[in-house]
């Protein structure tokens, strides 16, 4: 039995709009390519999509670093907002 889980919907829907607004265009592209339908694609497809979206050349190492940095930034932003409420 195959379970189709849309990570993008689950992950991004739980974030407030203000949190997503703190991301740069490059960070949003990295999140988009790592979640949802694109998350299941081979790395070469993801890197090609990022190149098309940002106009820059992407390597797997750059993508991995950018994803980690973006996820850490989101984690800190959500934690700050949770503490202030």
N, C-alpha and C. Protein backbone atom coordinates (compact mmCIF):
# COMPACT_ATOMS: atom_id res chain seq x y z
N UNK A 1 0.84 -1.18 0.00
CA UNK A 1 0.00 0.00 0.00
C UNK A 1 0.89 1.25 0.00
N UNK A 2 0.69 2.11 -0.95
CA UNK A 2 1.48 3.33 -1.06
C UNK A 2 0.73 4.48 -0.38
N UNK A 3 1.44 5.19 0.47
CA UNK A 3 0.86 6.33 1.17
C UNK A 3 1.45 7.59 0.55
N UNK A 4 0.61 8.44 0.07
CA UNK A 4 1.06 9.68 -0.55
C UNK A 4 0.98 10.80 0.47
N UNK A 5 2.11 11.26 0.93
CA UNK A 5 2.17 12.31 1.94
C UNK A 5 2.74 13.56 1.28
N UNK A 6 2.03 14.64 1.38
CA UNK A 6 2.51 15.91 0.84
C UNK A 6 3.21 16.66 1.97
N UNK A 7 4.53 16.51 2.03
CA UNK A 7 5.30 17.15 3.09
C UNK A 7 5.19 18.67 3.02
N UNK A 8 5.12 19.20 1.83
CA UNK A 8 5.04 20.65 1.68
C UNK A 8 3.79 21.17 2.36
N UNK A 9 2.67 20.52 2.11
CA UNK A 9 1.42 20.97 2.72
C UNK A 9 1.49 20.87 4.23
N UNK A 10 1.98 19.75 4.74
CA UNK A 10 2.04 19.56 6.18
C UNK A 10 3.03 20.47 6.86
N UNK A 11 4.19 20.63 6.26
CA UNK A 11 5.23 21.43 6.88
C UNK A 11 4.96 22.93 6.74
N UNK A 12 4.76 23.36 5.54
CA UNK A 12 4.60 24.79 5.30
C UNK A 12 3.26 25.33 5.79
N UNK A 13 2.23 24.51 5.78
CA UNK A 13 0.92 24.97 6.24
C UNK A 13 0.93 25.26 7.73
N UNK A 14 1.80 24.56 8.47
CA UNK A 14 1.84 24.77 9.92
C UNK A 14 2.62 26.03 10.29
N UNK A 15 3.36 26.59 9.35
CA UNK A 15 4.11 27.81 9.62
C UNK A 15 3.25 29.03 9.36
N UNK A 16 3.45 30.04 10.16
CA UNK A 16 2.72 31.28 9.95
C UNK A 16 3.29 32.02 8.75
N UNK A 17 2.45 32.80 8.12
CA UNK A 17 2.86 33.58 6.94
C UNK A 17 4.04 34.50 7.26
N UNK A 18 4.06 35.05 8.47
CA UNK A 18 5.15 35.95 8.86
C UNK A 18 6.50 35.22 8.89
N UNK A 19 6.47 33.95 9.28
CA UNK A 19 7.71 33.17 9.32
C UNK A 19 8.24 32.95 7.91
N UNK A 20 7.36 32.57 7.00
CA UNK A 20 7.77 32.35 5.61
C UNK A 20 8.23 33.65 4.96
N UNK A 21 7.67 34.77 5.39
CA UNK A 21 8.06 36.06 4.81
C UNK A 21 9.49 36.44 5.19
N UNK A 22 10.04 35.83 6.24
CA UNK A 22 11.42 36.15 6.64
C UNK A 22 12.44 35.48 5.73
N UNK A 23 12.01 34.53 4.90
CA UNK A 23 12.93 33.81 4.02
C UNK A 23 13.22 34.61 2.76
N UNK A 24 14.45 34.47 2.28
CA UNK A 24 14.81 35.10 1.00
C UNK A 24 14.23 34.25 -0.13
N UNK A 25 14.27 34.76 -1.33
CA UNK A 25 13.76 34.02 -2.49
C UNK A 25 14.53 32.71 -2.67
N UNK A 26 15.84 32.74 -2.44
CA UNK A 26 16.66 31.53 -2.56
C UNK A 26 16.27 30.50 -1.50
N UNK A 27 16.04 30.96 -0.28
CA UNK A 27 15.65 30.05 0.80
C UNK A 27 14.28 29.43 0.52
N UNK A 28 13.36 30.23 0.00
CA UNK A 28 12.04 29.67 -0.35
C UNK A 28 12.17 28.63 -1.45
N UNK A 29 13.03 28.87 -2.42
CA UNK A 29 13.24 27.90 -3.50
C UNK A 29 13.81 26.60 -2.96
N UNK A 30 14.74 26.69 -2.01
CA UNK A 30 15.34 25.49 -1.42
C UNK A 30 14.28 24.69 -0.66
N UNK A 31 13.43 25.38 0.08
CA UNK A 31 12.35 24.70 0.81
C UNK A 31 11.39 24.04 -0.17
N UNK A 32 11.02 24.75 -1.22
CA UNK A 32 10.08 24.20 -2.20
C UNK A 32 10.63 22.95 -2.87
N UNK A 33 11.91 22.95 -3.21
CA UNK A 33 12.49 21.82 -3.91
C UNK A 33 12.71 20.63 -2.98
N UNK A 34 12.81 20.87 -1.69
CA UNK A 34 13.07 19.77 -0.76
C UNK A 34 11.79 19.15 -0.20
N UNK A 35 10.65 19.74 -0.46
CA UNK A 35 9.39 19.23 0.08
C UNK A 35 8.41 18.93 -1.04
N UNK A 36 7.32 18.34 -0.68
CA UNK A 36 6.26 18.05 -1.65
C UNK A 36 6.70 17.08 -2.72
N UNK A 37 6.18 17.26 -3.92
CA UNK A 37 6.49 16.35 -5.03
C UNK A 37 7.97 16.40 -5.41
N UNK A 38 8.59 17.55 -5.32
CA UNK A 38 10.00 17.68 -5.69
C UNK A 38 10.90 16.93 -4.71
N UNK A 39 10.45 16.74 -3.48
CA UNK A 39 11.25 16.05 -2.48
C UNK A 39 11.54 14.61 -2.85
N UNK A 40 10.72 14.03 -3.72
CA UNK A 40 10.90 12.63 -4.14
C UNK A 40 11.72 12.50 -5.42
N UNK A 41 12.11 13.59 -6.02
CA UNK A 41 12.86 13.56 -7.27
C UNK A 41 14.34 13.33 -7.02
N UNK A 42 15.06 12.84 -8.02
CA UNK A 42 16.52 12.69 -7.89
C UNK A 42 17.19 14.06 -7.72
N UNK A 43 18.36 14.05 -7.13
CA UNK A 43 19.07 15.30 -6.86
C UNK A 43 19.34 16.09 -8.14
N UNK A 44 19.63 15.42 -9.23
CA UNK A 44 19.90 16.12 -10.49
C UNK A 44 18.69 16.95 -10.93
N UNK A 45 17.51 16.43 -10.71
CA UNK A 45 16.28 17.15 -11.07
C UNK A 45 16.12 18.36 -10.15
N UNK A 46 16.37 18.16 -8.86
CA UNK A 46 16.26 19.27 -7.90
C UNK A 46 17.25 20.38 -8.25
N UNK A 47 18.49 20.00 -8.56
CA UNK A 47 19.51 21.01 -8.88
C UNK A 47 19.17 21.75 -10.15
N UNK A 48 18.62 21.05 -11.14
CA UNK A 48 18.19 21.70 -12.37
C UNK A 48 17.05 22.66 -12.13
N UNK A 49 16.12 22.27 -11.28
CA UNK A 49 14.99 23.13 -10.95
C UNK A 49 15.47 24.38 -10.23
N UNK A 50 16.42 24.20 -9.29
CA UNK A 50 16.96 25.36 -8.58
C UNK A 50 17.68 26.30 -9.54
N UNK A 51 18.42 25.74 -10.49
CA UNK A 51 19.11 26.59 -11.48
C UNK A 51 18.09 27.37 -12.30
N UNK A 52 17.03 26.70 -12.70
CA UNK A 52 15.99 27.38 -13.48
C UNK A 52 15.31 28.46 -12.64
N UNK A 53 15.07 28.18 -11.38
CA UNK A 53 14.35 29.10 -10.51
C UNK A 53 15.18 30.30 -10.09
N UNK A 54 16.48 30.07 -9.80
CA UNK A 54 17.32 31.15 -9.28
C UNK A 54 18.26 31.75 -10.31
N UNK A 55 18.50 31.03 -11.41
CA UNK A 55 19.43 31.52 -12.43
C UNK A 55 20.88 31.30 -12.07
N UNK A 56 21.13 30.52 -11.02
CA UNK A 56 22.50 30.24 -10.59
C UNK A 56 22.78 28.75 -10.68
N UNK A 57 24.06 28.40 -10.74
CA UNK A 57 24.45 26.99 -10.78
C UNK A 57 24.43 26.44 -9.36
N UNK A 58 23.84 25.26 -9.19
CA UNK A 58 23.73 24.61 -7.89
C UNK A 58 24.47 23.29 -7.91
N UNK A 59 25.19 23.01 -6.83
CA UNK A 59 25.79 21.70 -6.63
C UNK A 59 25.05 21.02 -5.48
N UNK A 60 25.24 19.72 -5.36
CA UNK A 60 24.58 19.01 -4.27
C UNK A 60 25.05 19.55 -2.92
N UNK A 61 26.34 19.87 -2.81
CA UNK A 61 26.88 20.41 -1.57
C UNK A 61 26.25 21.76 -1.23
N UNK A 62 26.11 22.62 -2.21
CA UNK A 62 25.51 23.94 -1.98
C UNK A 62 24.05 23.77 -1.56
N UNK A 63 23.34 22.87 -2.24
CA UNK A 63 21.94 22.62 -1.91
C UNK A 63 21.80 22.09 -0.48
N UNK A 64 22.65 21.14 -0.10
CA UNK A 64 22.59 20.55 1.23
C UNK A 64 22.86 21.61 2.30
N UNK A 65 23.88 22.42 2.07
CA UNK A 65 24.19 23.49 3.03
C UNK A 65 23.06 24.51 3.13
N UNK A 66 22.53 24.90 1.99
CA UNK A 66 21.44 25.88 1.98
C UNK A 66 20.21 25.34 2.69
N UNK A 67 19.91 24.07 2.48
CA UNK A 67 18.75 23.47 3.14
C UNK A 67 18.94 23.44 4.65
N UNK A 68 20.12 23.03 5.10
CA UNK A 68 20.39 22.99 6.54
C UNK A 68 20.30 24.39 7.14
N UNK A 69 20.89 25.37 6.48
CA UNK A 69 20.86 26.75 6.97
C UNK A 69 19.43 27.27 7.03
N UNK A 70 18.64 26.98 6.02
CA UNK A 70 17.26 27.45 5.97
C UNK A 70 16.42 26.79 7.06
N UNK A 71 16.60 25.48 7.24
CA UNK A 71 15.85 24.77 8.28
C UNK A 71 16.23 25.28 9.67
N UNK A 72 17.51 25.55 9.89
CA UNK A 72 17.94 26.11 11.18
C UNK A 72 17.33 27.49 11.40
N UNK A 73 17.28 28.29 10.35
CA UNK A 73 16.69 29.63 10.44
C UNK A 73 15.20 29.53 10.77
N UNK A 74 14.49 28.63 10.11
CA UNK A 74 13.06 28.45 10.41
C UNK A 74 12.85 27.97 11.83
N UNK A 75 13.68 27.05 12.27
CA UNK A 75 13.58 26.52 13.63
C UNK A 75 13.76 27.62 14.66
N UNK A 76 14.75 28.48 14.46
CA UNK A 76 15.00 29.58 15.39
C UNK A 76 13.86 30.60 15.36
N UNK A 77 13.35 30.90 14.18
CA UNK A 77 12.26 31.86 14.05
C UNK A 77 11.00 31.36 14.73
N UNK A 78 10.68 30.09 14.52
CA UNK A 78 9.50 29.51 15.16
C UNK A 78 9.67 29.49 16.68
N UNK A 79 10.87 29.15 17.15
CA UNK A 79 11.13 29.13 18.59
C UNK A 79 10.98 30.51 19.20
N UNK A 80 11.49 31.53 18.53
CA UNK A 80 11.35 32.90 19.02
C UNK A 80 9.89 33.31 19.10
N UNK A 81 9.13 32.98 18.06
CA UNK A 81 7.72 33.34 18.05
C UNK A 81 6.94 32.59 19.12
N UNK A 82 7.29 31.35 19.36
CA UNK A 82 6.62 30.55 20.39
C UNK A 82 6.90 31.12 21.77
N UNK A 83 8.11 31.59 22.00
CA UNK A 83 8.48 32.16 23.29
C UNK A 83 7.82 33.51 23.53
N UNK A 84 7.57 34.25 22.47
CA UNK A 84 7.00 35.59 22.62
C UNK A 84 5.48 35.55 22.79
N UNK A 85 4.88 34.42 22.51
CA UNK A 85 3.40 34.33 22.63
C UNK A 85 2.96 33.91 23.99
